[in-house]
C-alpha atoms as a PDB file:
ATOM      1  CA  MET A   1      83.683  36.262-147.790  1.00  0.00           C
ATOM      2  CA  ARG A   2      84.171  39.859-148.738  1.00  0.00           C
ATOM      3  CA  PRO A   3      81.300  42.298-149.248  1.00  0.00           C
ATOM      4  CA  LEU A   4      80.289  43.512-152.606  1.00  0.00           C
ATOM      5  CA  SER A   5      81.867  46.687-153.638  1.00  0.00           C
ATOM      6  CA  PRO A   6      79.766  49.752-154.241  1.00  0.00           C
ATOM      7  CA  HIS A   7      80.235  49.447-157.921  1.00  0.00           C
ATOM      8  CA  ALA A   8      79.177  45.709-158.023  1.00  0.00           C
ATOM      9  CA  LYS A   9      76.239  46.467-155.773  1.00  0.00           C
ATOM     10  CA  LYS A  10      74.793  48.819-158.242  1.00  0.00           C
ATOM     11  CA  LEU A  11      75.357  46.422-160.978  1.00  0.00           C
ATOM     12  CA  VAL A  12      73.493  43.624-159.232  1.00  0.00           C
ATOM     13  CA  GLY A  13      70.743  46.254-158.196  1.00  0.00           C
ATOM     14  CA  THR A  14      70.351  47.703-161.690  1.00  0.00           C
ATOM     15  CA  LEU A  15      70.410  43.997-163.470  1.00  0.00           C
ATOM     16  CA  PHE A  16      67.558  43.073-160.757  1.00  0.00           C
ATOM     17  CA  THR A  17      65.630  46.043-161.278  1.00  0.00           C
ATOM     18  CA  LEU A  18      65.562  45.419-165.195  1.00  0.00           C
ATOM     19  CA  LEU A  19      64.760  41.709-164.541  1.00  0.00           C
ATOM     20  CA  TRP A  20      62.034  42.797-162.188  1.00  0.00           C
ATOM     21  CA  LEU A  21      60.422  44.931-164.504  1.00  0.00           C
ATOM     22  CA  VAL A  22      60.162  42.732-167.348  1.00  0.00           C
ATOM     23  CA  VAL A  23      58.485  39.899-165.290  1.00  0.00           C
ATOM     24  CA  TYR A  24      56.299  42.194-163.382  1.00  0.00           C
ATOM     25  CA  THR A  25      55.169  43.805-166.659  1.00  0.00           C
ATOM     26  CA  LEU A  26      54.401  40.617-168.308  1.00  0.00           C
ATOM     27  CA  VAL A  27      52.397  39.094-164.980  1.00  0.00           C
ATOM     28  CA  ALA A  28      50.611  42.568-164.798  1.00  0.00           C
ATOM     29  CA  MET A  29      49.879  42.327-168.393  1.00  0.00           C
ATOM     30  CA  GLY A  30      48.546  38.768-168.331  1.00  0.00           C
ATOM     31  CA  ILE A  31      46.309  39.378-165.542  1.00  0.00           C
ATOM     32  CA  GLY A  32      44.686  42.536-167.008  1.00  0.00           C
ATOM     33  CA  VAL A  33      44.250  40.570-170.294  1.00  0.00           C
ATOM     34  CA  ARG A  34      42.555  37.610-168.651  1.00  0.00           C
ATOM     35  CA  VAL A  35      40.511  39.269-165.873  1.00  0.00           C
ATOM     36  CA  LEU A  36      39.761  42.949-166.999  1.00  0.00           C
ATOM     37  CA  PRO A  37      37.896  42.445-170.589  1.00  0.00           C
ATOM     38  CA  HIS A  38      34.665  42.076-168.529  1.00  0.00           C
ATOM     39  CA  ALA A  39      35.353  44.200-165.580  1.00  0.00           C
ATOM     40  CA  ASN A  40      33.679  47.444-164.660  1.00  0.00           C
ATOM     41  CA  TRP A  41      35.635  50.385-165.407  1.00  0.00           C
ATOM     42  CA  LEU A  42      36.294  51.442-161.535  1.00  0.00           C
ATOM     43  CA  VAL A  43      37.569  47.827-161.405  1.00  0.00           C
ATOM     44  CA  GLU A  44      39.917  48.658-164.330  1.00  0.00           C
ATOM     45  CA  LEU A  45      41.011  51.986-163.138  1.00  0.00           C
ATOM     46  CA  LEU A  46      41.826  50.425-159.464  1.00  0.00           C
ATOM     47  CA  TYR A  47      43.853  47.523-161.019  1.00  0.00           C
ATOM     48  CA  TYR A  48      45.843  49.875-163.351  1.00  0.00           C
ATOM     49  CA  THR A  49      46.520  52.305-160.580  1.00  0.00           C
ATOM     50  CA  LEU A  50      47.732  49.468-158.241  1.00  0.00           C
ATOM     51  CA  ALA A  51      49.719  47.599-160.974  1.00  0.00           C
ATOM     52  CA  GLY A  52      51.334  51.059-162.044  1.00  0.00           C
ATOM     53  CA  THR A  53      52.701  51.769-158.493  1.00  0.00           C
ATOM     54  CA  LEU A  54      53.151  48.468-156.687  1.00  0.00           C
ATOM     55  CA  TRP A  55      56.401  47.691-158.946  1.00  0.00           C
ATOM     56  CA  ILE A  56      58.118  50.214-156.776  1.00  0.00           C
ATOM     57  CA  ILE A  57      58.029  48.403-153.433  1.00  0.00           C
ATOM     58  CA  PRO A  58      60.722  45.844-154.221  1.00  0.00           C
ATOM     59  CA  VAL A  59      62.812  48.439-156.197  1.00  0.00           C
ATOM     60  CA  GLY A  60      62.569  50.918-153.206  1.00  0.00           C
ATOM     61  CA  LEU A  61      63.638  47.984-150.714  1.00  0.00           C
ATOM     62  CA  LEU A  62      66.667  47.430-152.954  1.00  0.00           C
ATOM     63  CA  LEU A  63      67.826  50.939-153.453  1.00  0.00           C
ATOM     64  CA  PRO A  64      69.077  51.506-149.785  1.00  0.00           C
ATOM     65  CA  TRP A  65      71.033  48.171-150.339  1.00  0.00           C
ATOM     66  CA  MET A  66      72.565  49.363-153.245  1.00  0.00           C
ATOM     67  CA  TYR A  67      73.976  52.567-152.101  1.00  0.00           C
ATOM     68  CA  ARG A  68      74.845  51.480-148.261  1.00  0.00           C
ATOM     69  CA  GLU A  69      78.437  51.823-147.772  1.00  0.00           C
ATOM     70  CA  PRO A  70      80.371  48.667-146.703  1.00  0.00           C
ATOM     71  CA  LEU A  71      81.151  48.439-143.035  1.00  0.00           C
ATOM     72  CA  GLN A  72      84.804  49.607-142.122  1.00  0.00           C
ATOM     73  CA  ARG A  73      86.665  46.926-140.335  1.00  0.00           C
ATOM     74  CA  ASN A  74      89.428  48.013-137.934  1.00  0.00           C
END
């Protein structure tokens, strides 16, 4: 099986990122609506700080794969 070309890897990574952001946003929003209405302002601040930054972890792990050059076979 041939490895994906750089263009295909970027396409797959971009589609995954878009899908991930939609799903993550809906889940974070659902948690915020159900849990935070009766929460302290400090809890809200911590939640939104974490929710606003944790989405980048899977994307950050995906980026090196997207831009890694395929191994050259001799």
